[in-house]
Each structure stands twice: as C-alpha cells, then as structure tokens.
Amino acid sequence: MSEEITTNQPEAVPSQVEDTFDYGGEKEGVEVVASDSSDSNTDKALDVLGEVTEEEESEELDLDGYKVSLPKSKAEKLKAERMMHADYTKKTQEVAEHRKTVDRAVEAERVALANQAKAQQESIQEYATLVAIDQRIQQFNEVNWNQLNEQDPVTAQRLWIELSQLKDAHTTVRGKLQQKEQETQREEQRKTSETQQESAKQIRECFEVVKRDIKDWSPELASKLDKTAQDLGFSNEELSQVKDARFVKLLHKAHIADQLLKKQSVATPKPQPKPVNQVGAGSAPSSQRVENMSMADYIKARRAQLR
C-alpha cells in the first residue's frame, strides 16, 4: 500500500473502493452498494413460495422443520395438498401392509393344506395296513390250534408266533392312528380358539372406533341400533358378528333418519275436513238450492250463516 494509516487518524468510511486487480487496462473506481445477502435469499424464497402482501392475511407453516410465512389462501391450499398426500401415503402403506398380511395368511394356509394332505396320505396307508392285519388275524381265528399242534407242532408254533406279531403290529398301527386323530383334534381346537380370539379382537377394535366416532355412544344406543337393524332384516347372529365400524356408522345414520321421519310425521298435523256451512234458522230449507232462491231468501240465509 502506498500510504499507511496510523491509529491516531480517525478511520474514514470510503464511499469508493479502488479495484486493485489488474485487468490489463486502466483501473477504475467501483462504487459499492451496501446489501445483505440473507435479505436477498429471503426475498428469493418469498418469490418462490409467494410474497406476503399487506392486503392478505399471512399464516406461518411448519414445513418439515422450516418456518415459512405464506398468504392465507396459499397456506390453506398447501395444507390441503400436504394432508391429501399424507392420507394417500397412509392408505398406500395400509394397502401394502394388508397385502403382506394376506400373502402371509395364504402361504400359511398353503403349508397347512400341504401338511394336512401328507398326513391324510400317511393315515390312508396306515388304515390300509390295519385292514390287512385284521384280515390276516381273522384267518388265524379259523385255525384249530389243538389239532394243528398234534399233527404239526412246528407249523403250529410258527403260526402262533406270526399271530402274536400281527397282534403287536395291530396295536402299534392302531396307536399311531389314534395319536394322529388326537393331534388333529387339538389342531382344530387351536385353530378354532385362534379364530375366536381374532374375531373377538376385530369386534373389540370395531367398537373402539365406534365409541370414538359416534357421539354419546352407550349400551342403550347400541340396543336401539340393534332394533333398527332387525327392522331392516338382520338376524341376531349376523349382528353378533359385526366387525366393520363402517357398518355400525351407517346403521347409526339410518337410525337417526328413522327417528327424524317419525318426529316429522308426529309434528305434521293431518288435514281436517272443512265444516259444511249449515243454513241458520229462518233461512231457506236445506233441500232448496241457491240458484232456486229469490234474492231476498238468499240474503236472509247468508245473514244467518254470518251470525
């Protein structure tokens, strides 16, 4: 630098800054305008999101941790769009989760059917073996063992051993079949219990939603809804298996509509027949038609009616 600034001299704020970079040409002074880069960025953000004007009320939104001030109309539109997107995302996730649950249930059912078919095939073979053993034992029942023992003791001994082995095999096969039958019964009971528990869970979750969404829910209101459903043709058995909260809400609306119709029918008076005007005393006889009256008789009859 050509000149040194001492601490004794007051610091002056230059209005112009000399450009010391050599562009290959003559140096020129460049005027510096004070500006704030953050303000510039804010202005650009407002240009993108919508500038808040004095004529329209603004609203501050929290967009994923960022506070943004927008005109109320645009803020409402943005909130609606974000809610719609969130609802769509939630429904998509629910559908995906439901599909996974269905796939798991289908796969479990397929494995269960395969195991059941295998067990049935094994049982069929064992039943066939048991029938063959029974038939062979039945043949031994026709043998005269005393006579055979006297004539051929060796053959009698061999056949007696075979009969003992057949009886042991019969006991073993019969025991296996009984064990499988017991296991099948236990499996059916387990599935029935799981089905009942799952059904009870679904019913409980259904009415938790109903209690939350239907104002003044109570056992009395539930009884009234049952009566409305019975009037519509639903049986008690069908109503005891209701697991969908949407059905209960629809039934509640039907009950309200039915009550309103009954109130309107009671509040609306039935039209009463108009009374027949009778001709008073001194008037013309009732059998006499008006067109047959004289003017004096008509005036007289009319005055009697007015009285």
Protein backbone atom coordinates (compact mmCIF):
# COMPACT_ATOMS: atom_id res chain seq x y z
CA MET A 1 0.00 0.00 0.00
CA SER A 2 1.32 3.49 -0.85
CA GLU A 3 0.00 5.17 2.28
CA GLU A 4 -0.03 3.90 5.86
CA ILE A 5 -2.99 4.57 8.09
CA THR A 6 -1.97 5.36 11.65
CA THR A 7 -4.08 4.72 14.71
CA ASN A 8 -4.03 8.43 15.53
CA GLN A 9 -6.03 9.30 12.46
CA PRO A 10 -9.80 8.84 12.54
CA GLU A 11 -10.97 5.94 10.40
CA ALA A 12 -12.83 7.17 7.39
CA VAL A 13 -15.51 5.18 5.59
CA PRO A 14 -14.70 5.45 1.91
CA SER A 15 -17.54 5.90 -0.49
CA GLN A 16 -15.50 4.30 -3.23
CA VAL A 17 -13.22 1.25 -3.23
CA GLU A 18 -10.30 1.09 -5.60
CA ASP A 19 -10.13 -2.10 -7.62
CA THR A 20 -6.51 -3.28 -7.27
CA PHE A 21 -6.87 -6.26 -9.61
CA ASP A 22 -5.02 -5.77 -12.89
CA TYR A 23 -7.43 -6.44 -15.75
CA GLY A 24 -4.88 -5.31 -18.31
CA GLY A 25 -6.48 -1.93 -18.59
CA GLU A 26 -6.89 1.26 -16.72
CA LYS A 27 -8.06 0.97 -13.07
CA GLU A 28 -11.42 2.41 -12.33
CA GLY A 29 -13.17 3.06 -9.04
CA VAL A 30 -16.11 0.75 -8.36
CA GLU A 31 -18.93 2.04 -6.21
CA VAL A 32 -20.04 -0.45 -3.54
CA VAL A 33 -23.71 -0.57 -2.57
CA ALA A 34 -24.39 -1.99 0.89
CA SER A 35 -26.65 -5.06 0.78
CA ASP A 36 -27.47 -8.04 2.95
CA SER A 37 -27.18 -11.46 1.29
CA SER A 38 -29.57 -13.04 3.80
CA ASP A 39 -32.24 -10.49 2.89
CA SER A 40 -31.69 -11.33 -0.74
CA ASN A 41 -32.15 -15.04 -0.06
CA THR A 42 -35.31 -14.36 1.92
CA ASP A 43 -36.70 -12.29 -0.94
CA LYS A 44 -35.96 -15.11 -3.37
CA ALA A 45 -37.69 -17.63 -1.08
CA LEU A 46 -40.72 -15.39 -0.86
CA ASP A 47 -40.76 -15.06 -4.62
CA VAL A 48 -40.89 -18.84 -4.88
CA LEU A 49 -43.40 -19.52 -2.10
CA GLY A 50 -45.50 -16.41 -2.59
CA GLU A 51 -44.86 -12.91 -1.24
CA VAL A 52 -46.92 -11.88 1.75
CA THR A 53 -48.81 -8.74 0.88
CA GLU A 54 -50.38 -6.31 3.24
CA GLU A 55 -53.79 -6.80 1.63
CA GLU A 56 -53.93 -10.55 2.52
CA GLU A 57 -53.52 -12.06 5.97
CA SER A 58 -50.47 -14.29 6.34
CA GLU A 59 -50.11 -17.63 8.09
CA GLU A 60 -46.99 -19.35 9.34
CA LEU A 61 -46.49 -23.01 8.43
CA ASP A 62 -44.02 -25.58 9.66
CA LEU A 63 -42.73 -27.41 6.59
CA ASP A 64 -40.61 -30.27 7.86
CA GLY A 65 -38.94 -28.09 10.48
CA TYR A 66 -38.76 -24.89 8.39
CA LYS A 67 -40.96 -21.97 9.39
CA VAL A 68 -42.49 -20.33 6.32
CA SER A 69 -44.94 -17.42 6.21
CA LEU A 70 -47.42 -17.55 3.33
CA PRO A 71 -50.61 -15.79 2.29
CA LYS A 72 -53.53 -17.47 3.98
CA SER A 73 -55.10 -18.67 0.71
CA LYS A 74 -51.87 -20.30 -0.42
CA ALA A 75 -51.23 -21.67 3.06
CA GLU A 76 -54.66 -23.33 3.10
CA LYS A 77 -54.05 -24.80 -0.35
CA LEU A 78 -50.62 -26.08 0.68
CA LYS A 79 -52.00 -27.64 3.87
CA ALA A 80 -54.78 -29.34 1.90
CA GLU A 81 -52.28 -30.73 -0.59
CA ARG A 82 -49.99 -31.99 2.20
CA MET A 83 -52.92 -33.58 4.02
CA MET A 84 -54.05 -35.25 0.81
CA HIS A 85 -50.52 -36.51 0.21
CA ALA A 86 -50.24 -37.77 3.78
CA ASP A 87 -53.62 -39.51 3.52
CA TYR A 88 -52.62 -41.11 0.22
CA THR A 89 -49.32 -42.27 1.74
CA LYS A 90 -51.12 -43.69 4.76
CA LYS A 91 -53.64 -45.55 2.62
CA THR A 92 -50.87 -46.88 0.39
CA GLN A 93 -49.00 -48.17 3.42
CA GLU A 94 -52.18 -49.73 4.81
CA VAL A 95 -52.87 -51.47 1.49
CA ALA A 96 -49.27 -52.72 1.33
CA GLU A 97 -49.42 -53.99 4.91
CA HIS A 98 -52.79 -55.64 4.26
CA ARG A 99 -51.36 -57.30 1.16
CA LYS A 100 -48.41 -58.62 3.16
CA THR A 101 -50.79 -59.95 5.80
CA VAL A 102 -52.91 -61.65 3.14
CA ASP A 103 -49.82 -63.13 1.48
CA ARG A 104 -48.59 -64.49 4.81
CA ALA A 105 -52.03 -65.94 5.53
CA VAL A 106 -52.22 -67.54 2.08
CA GLU A 107 -48.73 -69.02 2.45
CA ALA A 108 -49.57 -70.35 5.91
CA GLU A 109 -52.79 -71.85 4.57
CA ARG A 110 -50.89 -73.45 1.66
CA VAL A 111 -48.36 -75.02 4.02
CA ALA A 112 -51.14 -76.19 6.32
CA LEU A 113 -53.02 -77.80 3.42
CA ALA A 114 -49.83 -79.50 2.20
CA ASN A 115 -49.14 -80.88 5.69
CA GLN A 116 -52.75 -81.96 6.01
CA ALA A 117 -52.64 -83.77 2.65
CA LYS A 118 -49.42 -85.50 3.66
CA ALA A 119 -50.88 -86.56 6.99
CA GLN A 120 -54.03 -87.84 5.30
CA GLN A 121 -51.95 -89.85 2.82
CA GLU A 122 -49.99 -91.41 5.67
CA SER A 123 -53.19 -92.13 7.54
CA ILE A 124 -54.69 -93.81 4.47
CA GLN A 125 -51.66 -96.09 4.18
CA GLU A 126 -51.80 -96.92 7.88
CA TYR A 127 -55.53 -97.65 7.67
CA ALA A 128 -54.84 -99.95 4.71
CA THR A 129 -52.14 -101.73 6.75
CA LEU A 130 -54.52 -102.05 9.67
CA VAL A 131 -57.21 -103.59 7.46
CA ALA A 132 -54.73 -106.09 6.01
CA ILE A 133 -53.60 -107.08 9.53
CA ASP A 134 -57.23 -107.50 10.63
CA GLN A 135 -57.95 -109.76 7.68
CA ARG A 136 -54.86 -111.91 8.41
CA ILE A 137 -55.77 -112.21 12.10
CA GLN A 138 -59.29 -113.21 11.04
CA GLN A 139 -57.79 -116.13 9.12
CA PHE A 140 -55.96 -117.34 12.24
CA ASN A 141 -59.23 -117.36 14.16
CA GLU A 142 -60.40 -120.21 11.93
CA VAL A 143 -57.41 -122.42 12.81
CA ASN A 144 -57.97 -125.42 15.10
CA TRP A 145 -54.85 -124.95 17.19
CA ASN A 146 -55.17 -128.19 19.20
CA GLN A 147 -55.49 -130.33 16.10
CA LEU A 148 -52.68 -128.46 14.29
CA ASN A 149 -50.41 -128.80 17.31
CA GLU A 150 -50.95 -132.59 17.39
CA GLN A 151 -50.44 -133.02 13.64
CA ASP A 152 -47.63 -130.47 13.01
CA PRO A 153 -46.28 -128.83 16.17
CA VAL A 154 -43.55 -126.95 14.29
CA THR A 155 -46.07 -125.30 11.93
CA ALA A 156 -48.38 -124.56 14.83
CA GLN A 157 -45.54 -122.91 16.70
CA ARG A 158 -44.56 -120.82 13.65
CA LEU A 159 -48.13 -119.70 13.01
CA TRP A 160 -48.63 -118.87 16.70
CA ILE A 161 -45.55 -116.62 16.61
CA GLU A 162 -46.83 -114.94 13.42
CA LEU A 163 -50.21 -114.32 15.07
CA SER A 164 -48.51 -112.73 18.08
CA GLN A 165 -46.51 -110.46 15.78
CA LEU A 166 -49.67 -109.48 13.87
CA LYS A 167 -51.42 -108.55 17.11
CA ASP A 168 -48.45 -106.43 18.18
CA ALA A 169 -48.39 -104.70 14.78
CA HIS A 170 -52.13 -104.12 15.00
CA THR A 171 -51.69 -102.46 18.42
CA THR A 172 -48.82 -100.29 17.13
CA VAL A 173 -50.63 -99.11 13.98
CA ARG A 174 -53.85 -98.52 15.86
CA GLY A 175 -51.98 -96.46 18.46
CA LYS A 176 -50.39 -94.29 15.74
CA LEU A 177 -53.77 -93.63 14.15
CA GLN A 178 -55.31 -92.69 17.50
CA GLN A 179 -52.39 -90.35 18.22
CA LYS A 180 -52.83 -88.63 14.85
CA GLU A 181 -56.55 -88.30 15.44
CA GLN A 182 -55.89 -86.66 18.80
CA GLU A 183 -53.32 -84.30 17.22
CA THR A 184 -55.83 -83.39 14.50
CA GLN A 185 -58.46 -82.66 17.12
CA ARG A 186 -56.04 -80.50 19.12
CA GLU A 187 -55.05 -78.61 15.95
CA GLU A 188 -58.68 -77.99 15.08
CA GLN A 189 -59.35 -76.77 18.60
CA ARG A 190 -56.31 -74.49 18.42
CA LYS A 191 -57.46 -73.03 15.09
CA THR A 192 -60.97 -72.58 16.44
CA SER A 193 -59.61 -70.81 19.51
CA GLU A 194 -57.37 -68.56 17.40
CA THR A 195 -60.28 -67.75 15.08
CA GLN A 196 -62.48 -66.87 18.05
CA GLN A 197 -59.75 -64.71 19.59
CA GLU A 198 -59.12 -62.93 16.29
CA SER A 199 -62.84 -62.40 15.79
CA ALA A 200 -63.17 -61.01 19.33
CA LYS A 201 -60.19 -58.70 18.70
CA GLN A 202 -61.73 -57.39 15.48
CA ILE A 203 -65.07 -56.80 17.19
CA ARG A 204 -63.33 -55.01 20.08
CA GLU A 205 -61.35 -52.79 17.68
CA CYS A 206 -64.52 -52.10 15.69
CA PHE A 207 -66.39 -50.79 18.71
CA GLU A 208 -63.39 -48.81 19.92
CA VAL A 209 -63.65 -46.87 16.64
CA VAL A 210 -67.43 -46.61 17.07
CA LYS A 211 -67.09 -45.20 20.61
CA ARG A 212 -64.58 -42.67 19.33
CA ASP A 213 -66.52 -41.52 16.26
CA ILE A 214 -70.16 -41.74 17.40
CA LYS A 215 -71.09 -39.11 19.97
CA ASP A 216 -72.92 -40.24 23.13
CA TRP A 217 -72.33 -43.93 22.44
CA SER A 218 -73.91 -46.10 25.11
CA PRO A 219 -75.43 -49.59 25.60
CA GLU A 220 -78.88 -48.01 25.19
CA LEU A 221 -77.90 -46.58 21.80
CA ALA A 222 -76.43 -49.95 20.80
CA SER A 223 -79.76 -51.62 21.63
CA LYS A 224 -81.60 -49.07 19.51
CA LEU A 225 -79.24 -49.75 16.60
CA ASP A 226 -79.88 -53.48 17.01
CA LYS A 227 -83.62 -52.80 16.81
CA THR A 228 -83.14 -50.71 13.67
CA ALA A 229 -81.01 -53.46 12.10
CA GLN A 230 -83.63 -56.09 12.96
CA ASP A 231 -86.31 -53.94 11.34
CA LEU A 232 -84.12 -53.92 8.22
CA GLY A 233 -83.98 -57.74 8.22
CA PHE A 234 -80.70 -58.55 10.02
CA SER A 235 -80.68 -61.51 12.42
CA ASN A 236 -79.15 -61.56 15.90
CA GLU A 237 -76.48 -64.00 14.70
CA GLU A 238 -75.45 -61.61 11.91
CA LEU A 239 -75.33 -58.66 14.30
CA SER A 240 -73.19 -60.59 16.78
CA GLN A 241 -70.51 -60.99 14.09
CA VAL A 242 -70.30 -57.32 13.05
CA LYS A 243 -66.61 -56.36 12.80
CA ASP A 244 -66.72 -53.34 10.48
CA ALA A 245 -67.13 -49.93 12.13
CA ARG A 246 -68.39 -48.51 8.82
CA PHE A 247 -71.46 -50.74 9.04
CA VAL A 248 -72.23 -49.50 12.57
CA LYS A 249 -71.83 -45.87 11.45
CA LEU A 250 -74.15 -46.46 8.51
CA LEU A 251 -76.66 -48.13 10.81
CA HIS A 252 -76.42 -45.14 13.17
CA LYS A 253 -77.28 -42.76 10.32
CA ALA A 254 -80.22 -44.97 9.34
CA HIS A 255 -81.43 -44.87 12.96
CA ILE A 256 -81.19 -41.05 13.04
CA ALA A 257 -83.06 -40.76 9.73
CA ASP A 258 -85.77 -43.10 11.03
CA GLN A 259 -86.17 -41.01 14.20
CA LEU A 260 -86.41 -37.78 12.18
CA LEU A 261 -89.10 -39.26 9.93
CA LYS A 262 -91.11 -40.34 12.96
CA LYS A 263 -90.84 -36.86 14.52
CA GLN A 264 -91.91 -35.20 11.27
CA SER A 265 -94.92 -37.48 10.96
CA VAL A 266 -95.98 -36.59 14.52
CA ALA A 267 -95.34 -32.85 14.13
CA THR A 268 -97.21 -32.50 10.81
CA PRO A 269 -100.97 -32.20 11.60
CA LYS A 270 -103.33 -34.21 9.48
CA PRO A 271 -105.58 -32.09 7.24
CA GLN A 272 -109.04 -31.71 8.76
CA PRO A 273 -112.15 -31.74 6.57
CA LYS A 274 -113.76 -28.35 6.17
CA PRO A 275 -117.05 -27.98 8.04
CA VAL A 276 -120.16 -27.80 5.94
CA ASN A 277 -121.92 -24.49 6.32
CA GLN A 278 -125.46 -25.02 7.59
CA VAL A 279 -128.25 -22.67 6.83
CA GLY A 280 -129.47 -20.98 10.02
CA ALA A 281 -132.97 -20.64 11.35
CA GLY A 282 -135.35 -18.70 9.16
CA SER A 283 -133.35 -19.49 6.07
CA ALA A 284 -134.48 -21.45 3.12
CA PRO A 285 -134.76 -25.23 3.56
CA SER A 286 -131.57 -27.24 3.06
CA SER A 287 -133.17 -29.00 0.12
CA GLN A 288 -133.60 -25.70 -1.67
CA ARG A 289 -130.66 -24.94 -3.98
CA VAL A 290 -129.14 -21.46 -4.10
CA GLU A 291 -129.99 -20.98 -7.74
CA ASN A 292 -133.66 -21.58 -6.90
CA MET A 293 -133.71 -18.93 -4.12
CA SER A 294 -135.02 -15.49 -4.55
CA MET A 295 -132.68 -12.63 -3.79
CA ALA A 296 -134.47 -11.88 -0.52
CA ASP A 297 -134.26 -15.53 0.65
CA TYR A 298 -130.52 -15.74 -0.28
CA ILE A 299 -129.71 -12.53 1.64
CA LYS A 300 -131.66 -13.82 4.62
CA ALA A 301 -129.89 -17.19 4.57
CA ARG A 302 -126.49 -15.55 4.13
CA ARG A 303 -127.04 -13.29 7.15
CA ALA A 304 -127.98 -16.32 9.23
CA GLN A 305 -124.75 -18.05 8.23
CA LEU A 306 -122.72 -14.98 9.19
CA ARG A 307 -124.36 -14.88 12.61
